[in-house]
Amino acid sequence: MTKQPEALRLADDIEDIQGLDSIDGTIVDKAAAELRRLHEVNVELLAALNSLLLAAGMKDPQPWRDARADVVELLRKVTGENA
């Protein structure tokens, strides 16, 4: 069994406490959604970095350009900038 990433576990925990009267449901929903978004970006960043490492061993410059474009797009996601 694979261990659940901490960000996703926290997102689930945050949603579980949403029923408490002292907790604002909107904030809870936003926090859980942001943790899940950041987890997705993290998975994509790891894949892009892996591509860069693979491209580093290749003599053809095209993989470098492709990997760079992936990293630039992911940086836009992380910072919330539009493409």
PDB file of N, CA and C in Angstrom:
ATOM      1  N   MET A   1       0.845  -1.187   0.000  1.00  0.00           N
ATOM      2  CA  MET A   1       0.000   0.000   0.000  1.00  0.00           C
ATOM      3  C   MET A   1       0.888   1.248   0.000  1.00  0.00           C
ATOM      4  N   THR A   2       0.579   2.193  -0.868  1.00  0.00           N
ATOM      5  CA  THR A   2       1.344   3.427  -0.967  1.00  0.00           C
ATOM      6  C   THR A   2       0.864   4.434   0.074  1.00  0.00           C
ATOM      7  N   LYS A   3       1.830   5.073   0.730  1.00  0.00           N
ATOM      8  CA  LYS A   3       1.485   6.084   1.729  1.00  0.00           C
ATOM      9  C   LYS A   3       0.937   7.331   1.025  1.00  0.00           C
ATOM     10  N   GLN A   4      -0.140   7.877   1.558  1.00  0.00           N
ATOM     11  CA  GLN A   4      -0.749   9.073   0.989  1.00  0.00           C
ATOM     12  C   GLN A   4       0.167  10.268   1.224  1.00  0.00           C
ATOM     13  N   PRO A   5       0.377  11.110   0.196  1.00  0.00           N
ATOM     14  CA  PRO A   5       1.188  12.312   0.399  1.00  0.00           C
ATOM     15  C   PRO A   5       0.603  13.192   1.499  1.00  0.00           C
ATOM     16  N   GLU A   6       1.499  13.846   2.250  1.00  0.00           N
ATOM     17  CA  GLU A   6       1.087  14.651   3.398  1.00  0.00           C
ATOM     18  C   GLU A   6       0.094  15.747   3.017  1.00  0.00           C
ATOM     19  N   ALA A   7       0.317  16.419   1.882  1.00  0.00           N
ATOM     20  CA  ALA A   7      -0.595  17.497   1.474  1.00  0.00           C
ATOM     21  C   ALA A   7      -2.016  16.972   1.269  1.00  0.00           C
ATOM     22  N   LEU A   8      -2.138  15.785   0.671  1.00  0.00           N
ATOM     23  CA  LEU A   8      -3.474  15.217   0.448  1.00  0.00           C
ATOM     24  C   LEU A   8      -4.104  14.747   1.759  1.00  0.00           C
ATOM     25  N   ARG A   9      -3.286  14.207   2.653  1.00  0.00           N
ATOM     26  CA  ARG A   9      -3.809  13.788   3.960  1.00  0.00           C
ATOM     27  C   ARG A   9      -4.328  14.994   4.734  1.00  0.00           C
ATOM     28  N   LEU A  10      -3.553  16.088   4.698  1.00  0.00           N
ATOM     29  CA  LEU A  10      -3.986  17.307   5.384  1.00  0.00           C
ATOM     30  C   LEU A  10      -5.258  17.870   4.766  1.00  0.00           C
ATOM     31  N   ALA A  11      -5.353  17.820   3.455  1.00  0.00           N
ATOM     32  CA  ALA A  11      -6.570  18.305   2.788  1.00  0.00           C
ATOM     33  C   ALA A  11      -7.785  17.513   3.266  1.00  0.00           C
ATOM     34  N   ASP A  12      -7.635  16.201   3.362  1.00  0.00           N
ATOM     35  CA  ASP A  12      -8.734  15.367   3.859  1.00  0.00           C
ATOM     36  C   ASP A  12      -9.060  15.698   5.316  1.00  0.00           C
ATOM     37  N   ASP A  13      -8.024  15.872   6.144  1.00  0.00           N
ATOM     38  CA  ASP A  13      -8.237  16.203   7.554  1.00  0.00           C
ATOM     39  C   ASP A  13      -8.946  17.543   7.712  1.00  0.00           C
ATOM     40  N   ILE A  14      -8.555  18.511   6.914  1.00  0.00           N
ATOM     41  CA  ILE A  14      -9.183  19.843   6.972  1.00  0.00           C
ATOM     42  C   ILE A  14     -10.672  19.727   6.647  1.00  0.00           C
ATOM     43  N   GLU A  15     -10.985  18.955   5.621  1.00  0.00           N
ATOM     44  CA  GLU A  15     -12.393  18.800   5.260  1.00  0.00           C
ATOM     45  C   GLU A  15     -13.174  18.064   6.343  1.00  0.00           C
ATOM     46  N   ASP A  16     -12.520  17.144   7.045  1.00  0.00           N
ATOM     47  CA  ASP A  16     -13.191  16.391   8.108  1.00  0.00           C
ATOM     48  C   ASP A  16     -13.617  17.282   9.267  1.00  0.00           C
ATOM     49  N   ILE A  17     -12.883  18.371   9.532  1.00  0.00           N
ATOM     50  CA  ILE A  17     -13.240  19.249  10.649  1.00  0.00           C
ATOM     51  C   ILE A  17     -14.200  20.357  10.230  1.00  0.00           C
ATOM     52  N   GLN A  18     -14.601  20.368   8.980  1.00  0.00           N
ATOM     53  CA  GLN A  18     -15.446  21.435   8.452  1.00  0.00           C
ATOM     54  C   GLN A  18     -16.765  21.572   9.204  1.00  0.00           C
ATOM     55  N   GLY A  19     -17.275  20.498   9.775  1.00  0.00           N
ATOM     56  CA  GLY A  19     -18.562  20.550  10.445  1.00  0.00           C
ATOM     57  C   GLY A  19     -18.557  21.308  11.768  1.00  0.00           C
ATOM     58  N   LEU A  20     -17.402  21.600  12.307  1.00  0.00           N
ATOM     59  CA  LEU A  20     -17.339  22.322  13.580  1.00  0.00           C
ATOM     60  C   LEU A  20     -17.865  23.744  13.406  1.00  0.00           C
ATOM     61  N   ASP A  21     -18.622  24.231  14.371  1.00  0.00           N
ATOM     62  CA  ASP A  21     -19.243  25.551  14.268  1.00  0.00           C
ATOM     63  C   ASP A  21     -18.233  26.695  14.173  1.00  0.00           C
ATOM     64  N   SER A  22     -17.057  26.522  14.761  1.00  0.00           N
ATOM     65  CA  SER A  22     -16.084  27.613  14.780  1.00  0.00           C
ATOM     66  C   SER A  22     -15.231  27.677  13.515  1.00  0.00           C
ATOM     67  N   ILE A  23     -15.457  26.763  12.594  1.00  0.00           N
ATOM     68  CA  ILE A  23     -14.652  26.713  11.371  1.00  0.00           C
ATOM     69  C   ILE A  23     -15.469  27.260  10.198  1.00  0.00           C
ATOM     70  N   ASP A  24     -14.882  28.199   9.460  1.00  0.00           N
ATOM     71  CA  ASP A  24     -15.526  28.754   8.268  1.00  0.00           C
ATOM     72  C   ASP A  24     -15.358  27.761   7.116  1.00  0.00           C
ATOM     73  N   GLY A  25     -16.470  27.226   6.632  1.00  0.00           N
ATOM     74  CA  GLY A  25     -16.445  26.222   5.573  1.00  0.00           C
ATOM     75  C   GLY A  25     -15.779  26.697   4.295  1.00  0.00           C
ATOM     76  N   THR A  26     -15.920  27.973   3.961  1.00  0.00           N
ATOM     77  CA  THR A  26     -15.312  28.503   2.746  1.00  0.00           C
ATOM     78  C   THR A  26     -13.793  28.446   2.851  1.00  0.00           C
ATOM     79  N   ILE A  27     -13.264  28.816   3.990  1.00  0.00           N
ATOM     80  CA  ILE A  27     -11.820  28.789   4.200  1.00  0.00           C
ATOM     81  C   ILE A  27     -11.309  27.345   4.146  1.00  0.00           C
ATOM     82  N   VAL A  28     -12.044  26.446   4.752  1.00  0.00           N
ATOM     83  CA  VAL A  28     -11.668  25.037   4.758  1.00  0.00           C
ATOM     84  C   VAL A  28     -11.631  24.502   3.332  1.00  0.00           C
ATOM     85  N   ASP A  29     -12.650  24.800   2.559  1.00  0.00           N
ATOM     86  CA  ASP A  29     -12.699  24.333   1.173  1.00  0.00           C
ATOM     87  C   ASP A  29     -11.535  24.893   0.360  1.00  0.00           C
ATOM     88  N   LYS A  30     -11.249  26.171   0.552  1.00  0.00           N
ATOM     89  CA  LYS A  30     -10.146  26.802  -0.188  1.00  0.00           C
ATOM     90  C   LYS A  30      -8.803  26.206   0.217  1.00  0.00           C
ATOM     91  N   ALA A  31      -8.615  25.977   1.507  1.00  0.00           N
ATOM     92  CA  ALA A  31      -7.358  25.411   1.986  1.00  0.00           C
ATOM     93  C   ALA A  31      -7.155  23.993   1.445  1.00  0.00           C
ATOM     94  N   ALA A  32      -8.194  23.189   1.493  1.00  0.00           N
ATOM     95  CA  ALA A  32      -8.102  21.819   0.986  1.00  0.00           C
ATOM     96  C   ALA A  32      -7.839  21.826  -0.520  1.00  0.00           C
ATOM     97  N   ALA A  33      -8.525  22.699  -1.245  1.00  0.00           N
ATOM     98  CA  ALA A  33      -8.320  22.784  -2.696  1.00  0.00           C
ATOM     99  C   ALA A  33      -6.896  23.232  -3.023  1.00  0.00           C
ATOM    100  N   GLU A  34      -6.366  24.174  -2.260  1.00  0.00           N
ATOM    101  CA  GLU A  34      -5.002  24.659  -2.512  1.00  0.00           C
ATOM    102  C   GLU A  34      -3.971  23.575  -2.216  1.00  0.00           C
ATOM    103  N   LEU A  35      -4.163  22.822  -1.152  1.00  0.00           N
ATOM    104  CA  LEU A  35      -3.249  21.713  -0.870  1.00  0.00           C
ATOM    105  C   LEU A  35      -3.259  20.691  -2.001  1.00  0.00           C
ATOM    106  N   ARG A  36      -4.433  20.389  -2.518  1.00  0.00           N
ATOM    107  CA  ARG A  36      -4.520  19.433  -3.626  1.00  0.00           C
ATOM    108  C   ARG A  36      -3.881  19.999  -4.897  1.00  0.00           C
ATOM    109  N   ARG A  37      -4.083  21.292  -5.152  1.00  0.00           N
ATOM    110  CA  ARG A  37      -3.474  21.929  -6.328  1.00  0.00           C
ATOM    111  C   ARG A  37      -1.952  21.887  -6.218  1.00  0.00           C
ATOM    112  N   LEU A  38      -1.441  22.207  -5.044  1.00  0.00           N
ATOM    113  CA  LEU A  38       0.002  22.195  -4.850  1.00  0.00           C
ATOM    114  C   LEU A  38       0.576  20.784  -4.983  1.00  0.00           C
ATOM    115  N   HIS A  39      -0.171  19.794  -4.533  1.00  0.00           N
ATOM    116  CA  HIS A  39       0.285  18.411  -4.709  1.00  0.00           C
ATOM    117  C   HIS A  39       0.378  18.073  -6.196  1.00  0.00           C
ATOM    118  N   GLU A  40      -0.623  18.444  -6.969  1.00  0.00           N
ATOM    119  CA  GLU A  40      -0.606  18.185  -8.422  1.00  0.00           C
ATOM    120  C   GLU A  40       0.587  18.858  -9.083  1.00  0.00           C
ATOM    121  N   VAL A  41       0.840  20.121  -8.724  1.00  0.00           N
ATOM    122  CA  VAL A  41       1.970  20.854  -9.291  1.00  0.00           C
ATOM    123  C   VAL A  41       3.280  20.173  -8.893  1.00  0.00           C
ATOM    124  N   ASN A  42       3.359  19.708  -7.648  1.00  0.00           N
ATOM    125  CA  ASN A  42       4.556  19.019  -7.189  1.00  0.00           C
ATOM    126  C   ASN A  42       4.826  17.769  -8.021  1.00  0.00           C
ATOM    127  N   VAL A  43       3.790  16.997  -8.300  1.00  0.00           N
ATOM    128  CA  VAL A  43       3.943  15.796  -9.126  1.00  0.00           C
ATOM    129  C   VAL A  43       4.454  16.186 -10.515  1.00  0.00           C
ATOM    130  N   GLU A  44       3.898  17.238 -11.096  1.00  0.00           N
ATOM    131  CA  GLU A  44       4.327  17.691 -12.417  1.00  0.00           C
ATOM    132  C   GLU A  44       5.761  18.229 -12.391  1.00  0.00           C
ATOM    133  N   LEU A  45       6.110  18.947 -11.333  1.00  0.00           N
ATOM    134  CA  LEU A  45       7.482  19.455 -11.212  1.00  0.00           C
ATOM    135  C   LEU A  45       8.492  18.317 -11.132  1.00  0.00           C
ATOM    136  N   LEU A  46       8.173  17.308 -10.362  1.00  0.00           N
ATOM    137  CA  LEU A  46       9.071  16.163 -10.266  1.00  0.00           C
ATOM    138  C   LEU A  46       9.244  15.484 -11.622  1.00  0.00           C
ATOM    139  N   ALA A  47       8.164  15.359 -12.377  1.00  0.00           N
ATOM    140  CA  ALA A  47       8.257  14.758 -13.709  1.00  0.00           C
ATOM    141  C   ALA A  47       9.098  15.625 -14.642  1.00  0.00           C
ATOM    142  N   ALA A  48       8.910  16.940 -14.575  1.00  0.00           N
ATOM    143  CA  ALA A  48       9.681  17.852 -15.426  1.00  0.00           C
ATOM    144  C   ALA A  48      11.164  17.812 -15.069  1.00  0.00           C
ATOM    145  N   LEU A  49      11.465  17.764 -13.780  1.00  0.00           N
ATOM    146  CA  LEU A  49      12.861  17.683 -13.363  1.00  0.00           C
ATOM    147  C   LEU A  49      13.483  16.361 -13.796  1.00  0.00           C
ATOM    148  N   ASN A  50      12.705  15.299 -13.729  1.00  0.00           N
ATOM    149  CA  ASN A  50      13.190  14.013 -14.206  1.00  0.00           C
ATOM    150  C   ASN A  50      13.488  14.088 -15.704  1.00  0.00           C
ATOM    151  N   SER A  51      12.622  14.755 -16.459  1.00  0.00           N
ATOM    152  CA  SER A  51      12.861  14.935 -17.897  1.00  0.00           C
ATOM    153  C   SER A  51      14.146  15.712 -18.144  1.00  0.00           C
ATOM    154  N   LEU A  52      14.382  16.742 -17.334  1.00  0.00           N
ATOM    155  CA  LEU A  52      15.614  17.517 -17.469  1.00  0.00           C
ATOM    156  C   LEU A  52      16.839  16.642 -17.217  1.00  0.00           C
ATOM    157  N   LEU A  53      16.757  15.812 -16.200  1.00  0.00           N
ATOM    158  CA  LEU A  53      17.883  14.927 -15.907  1.00  0.00           C
ATOM    159  C   LEU A  53      18.129  13.952 -17.052  1.00  0.00           C
ATOM    160  N   LEU A  54      17.059  13.426 -17.612  1.00  0.00           N
ATOM    161  CA  LEU A  54      17.208  12.519 -18.754  1.00  0.00           C
ATOM    162  C   LEU A  54      17.783  13.257 -19.957  1.00  0.00           C
ATOM    163  N   ALA A  55      17.297  14.476 -20.181  1.00  0.00           N
ATOM    164  CA  ALA A  55      17.773  15.264 -21.318  1.00  0.00           C
ATOM    165  C   ALA A  55      19.242  15.620 -21.164  1.00  0.00           C
ATOM    166  N   ALA A  56      19.718  15.737 -19.937  1.00  0.00           N
ATOM    167  CA  ALA A  56      21.113  16.109 -19.697  1.00  0.00           C
ATOM    168  C   ALA A  56      22.067  15.061 -20.269  1.00  0.00           C
ATOM    169  N   GLY A  57      21.608  13.840 -20.373  1.00  0.00           N
ATOM    170  CA  GLY A  57      22.448  12.782 -20.912  1.00  0.00           C
ATOM    171  C   GLY A  57      22.355  12.641 -22.417  1.00  0.00           C
ATOM    172  N   MET A  58      21.574  13.486 -23.083  1.00  0.00           N
ATOM    173  CA  MET A  58      21.369  13.388 -24.530  1.00  0.00           C
ATOM    174  C   MET A  58      22.125  14.486 -25.259  1.00  0.00           C
ATOM    175  N   LYS A  59      22.593  14.161 -26.460  1.00  0.00           N
ATOM    176  CA  LYS A  59      23.324  15.144 -27.260  1.00  0.00           C
ATOM    177  C   LYS A  59      22.385  16.003 -28.106  1.00  0.00           C
ATOM    178  N   ASP A  60      21.187  15.520 -28.369  1.00  0.00           N
ATOM    179  CA  ASP A  60      20.208  16.262 -29.155  1.00  0.00           C
ATOM    180  C   ASP A  60      19.647  17.405 -28.304  1.00  0.00           C
ATOM    181  N   PRO A  61      19.690  18.655 -28.786  1.00  0.00           N
ATOM    182  CA  PRO A  61      19.203  19.782 -27.973  1.00  0.00           C
ATOM    183  C   PRO A  61      17.676  19.836 -27.829  1.00  0.00           C
ATOM    184  N   GLN A  62      16.933  19.121 -28.665  1.00  0.00           N
ATOM    185  CA  GLN A  62      15.463  19.203 -28.608  1.00  0.00           C
ATOM    186  C   GLN A  62      14.900  18.791 -27.252  1.00  0.00           C
ATOM    187  N   PRO A  63      15.366  17.707 -26.635  1.00  0.00           N
ATOM    188  CA  PRO A  63      14.824  17.365 -25.311  1.00  0.00           C
ATOM    189  C   PRO A  63      15.022  18.478 -24.283  1.00  0.00           C
ATOM    190  N   TRP A  64      16.132  19.209 -24.394  1.00  0.00           N
ATOM    191  CA  TRP A  64      16.357  20.329 -23.486  1.00  0.00           C
ATOM    192  C   TRP A  64      15.307  21.408 -23.692  1.00  0.00           C
ATOM    193  N   ARG A  65      15.004  21.721 -24.945  1.00  0.00           N
ATOM    194  CA  ARG A  65      13.991  22.748 -25.227  1.00  0.00           C
ATOM    195  C   ARG A  65      12.622  22.299 -24.723  1.00  0.00           C
ATOM    196  N   ASP A  66      12.292  21.039 -24.959  1.00  0.00           N
ATOM    197  CA  ASP A  66      11.003  20.511 -24.496  1.00  0.00           C
ATOM    198  C   ASP A  66      10.914  20.547 -22.971  1.00  0.00           C
ATOM    199  N   ALA A  67      11.979  20.106 -22.307  1.00  0.00           N
ATOM    200  CA  ALA A  67      11.986  20.088 -20.845  1.00  0.00           C
ATOM    201  C   ALA A  67      11.918  21.505 -20.293  1.00  0.00           C
ATOM    202  N   ARG A  68      12.620  22.445 -20.912  1.00  0.00           N
ATOM    203  CA  ARG A  68      12.591  23.832 -20.465  1.00  0.00           C
ATOM    204  C   ARG A  68      11.176  24.394 -20.584  1.00  0.00           C
ATOM    205  N   ALA A  69      10.496  24.107 -21.683  1.00  0.00           N
ATOM    206  CA  ALA A  69       9.124  24.591 -21.870  1.00  0.00           C
ATOM    207  C   ALA A  69       8.206  24.026 -20.781  1.00  0.00           C
ATOM    208  N   ASP A  70       8.404  22.767 -20.426  1.00  0.00           N
ATOM    209  CA  ASP A  70       7.596  22.155 -19.361  1.00  0.00           C
ATOM    210  C   ASP A  70       7.838  22.858 -18.032  1.00  0.00           C
ATOM    211  N   VAL A  71       9.095  23.148 -17.732  1.00  0.00           N
ATOM    212  CA  VAL A  71       9.431  23.804 -16.466  1.00  0.00           C
ATOM    213  C   VAL A  71       8.864  25.224 -16.428  1.00  0.00           C
ATOM    214  N   VAL A  72       8.954  25.949 -17.537  1.00  0.00           N
ATOM    215  CA  VAL A  72       8.403  27.307 -17.591  1.00  0.00           C
ATOM    216  C   VAL A  72       6.892  27.267 -17.347  1.00  0.00           C
ATOM    217  N   GLU A  73       6.210  26.329 -17.959  1.00  0.00           N
ATOM    218  CA  GLU A  73       4.761  26.210 -17.762  1.00  0.00           C
ATOM    219  C   GLU A  73       4.431  25.879 -16.310  1.00  0.00           C
ATOM    220  N   LEU A  74       5.192  25.004 -15.710  1.00  0.00           N
ATOM    221  CA  LEU A  74       4.954  24.652 -14.308  1.00  0.00           C
ATOM    222  C   LEU A  74       5.231  25.826 -13.386  1.00  0.00           C
ATOM    223  N   LEU A  75       6.255  26.603 -13.683  1.00  0.00           N
ATOM    224  CA  LEU A  75       6.517  27.795 -12.872  1.00  0.00           C
ATOM    225  C   LEU A  75       5.347  28.771 -12.950  1.00  0.00           C
ATOM    226  N   ARG A  76       4.735  28.874 -14.099  1.00  0.00           N
ATOM    227  CA  ARG A  76       3.537  29.729 -14.232  1.00  0.00           C
ATOM    228  C   ARG A  76       2.407  29.209 -13.350  1.00  0.00           C
ATOM    229  N   LYS A  77       2.251  27.893 -13.301  1.00  0.00           N
ATOM    230  CA  LYS A  77       1.205  27.300 -12.455  1.00  0.00           C
ATOM    231  C   LYS A  77       1.484  27.594 -10.983  1.00  0.00           C
ATOM    232  N   VAL A  78       2.737  27.415 -10.591  1.00  0.00           N
ATOM    233  CA  VAL A  78       3.103  27.621  -9.181  1.00  0.00           C
ATOM    234  C   VAL A  78       2.856  29.057  -8.761  1.00  0.00           C
ATOM    235  N   THR A  79       3.195  30.002  -9.625  1.00  0.00           N
ATOM    236  CA  THR A  79       3.065  31.411  -9.275  1.00  0.00           C
ATOM    237  C   THR A  79       1.668  31.950  -9.578  1.00  0.00           C
ATOM    238  N   GLY A  80       0.852  31.165 -10.276  1.00  0.00           N
ATOM    239  CA  GLY A  80      -0.499  31.604 -10.609  1.00  0.00           C
ATOM    240  C   GLY A  80      -0.553  32.521 -11.818  1.00  0.00           C
ATOM    241  N   GLU A  81       0.550  32.632 -12.549  1.00  0.00           N
ATOM    242  CA  GLU A  81       0.569  33.494 -13.738  1.00  0.00           C
ATOM    243  C   GLU A  81      -0.128  32.788 -14.888  1.00  0.00           C
ATOM    244  N   ASN A  82      -0.731  33.567 -15.755  1.00  0.00           N
ATOM    245  CA  ASN A  82      -1.334  33.015 -16.962  1.00  0.00           C
ATOM    246  C   ASN A  82      -0.278  32.862 -18.030  1.00  0.00           C
ATOM    247  N   ALA A  83      -0.464  31.878 -18.882  1.00  0.00           N
ATOM    248  CA  ALA A  83       0.507  31.657 -19.970  1.00  0.00           C
ATOM    249  C   ALA A  83       0.450  32.768 -20.985  1.00  0.00           C
TER     250      ALA A  83
END
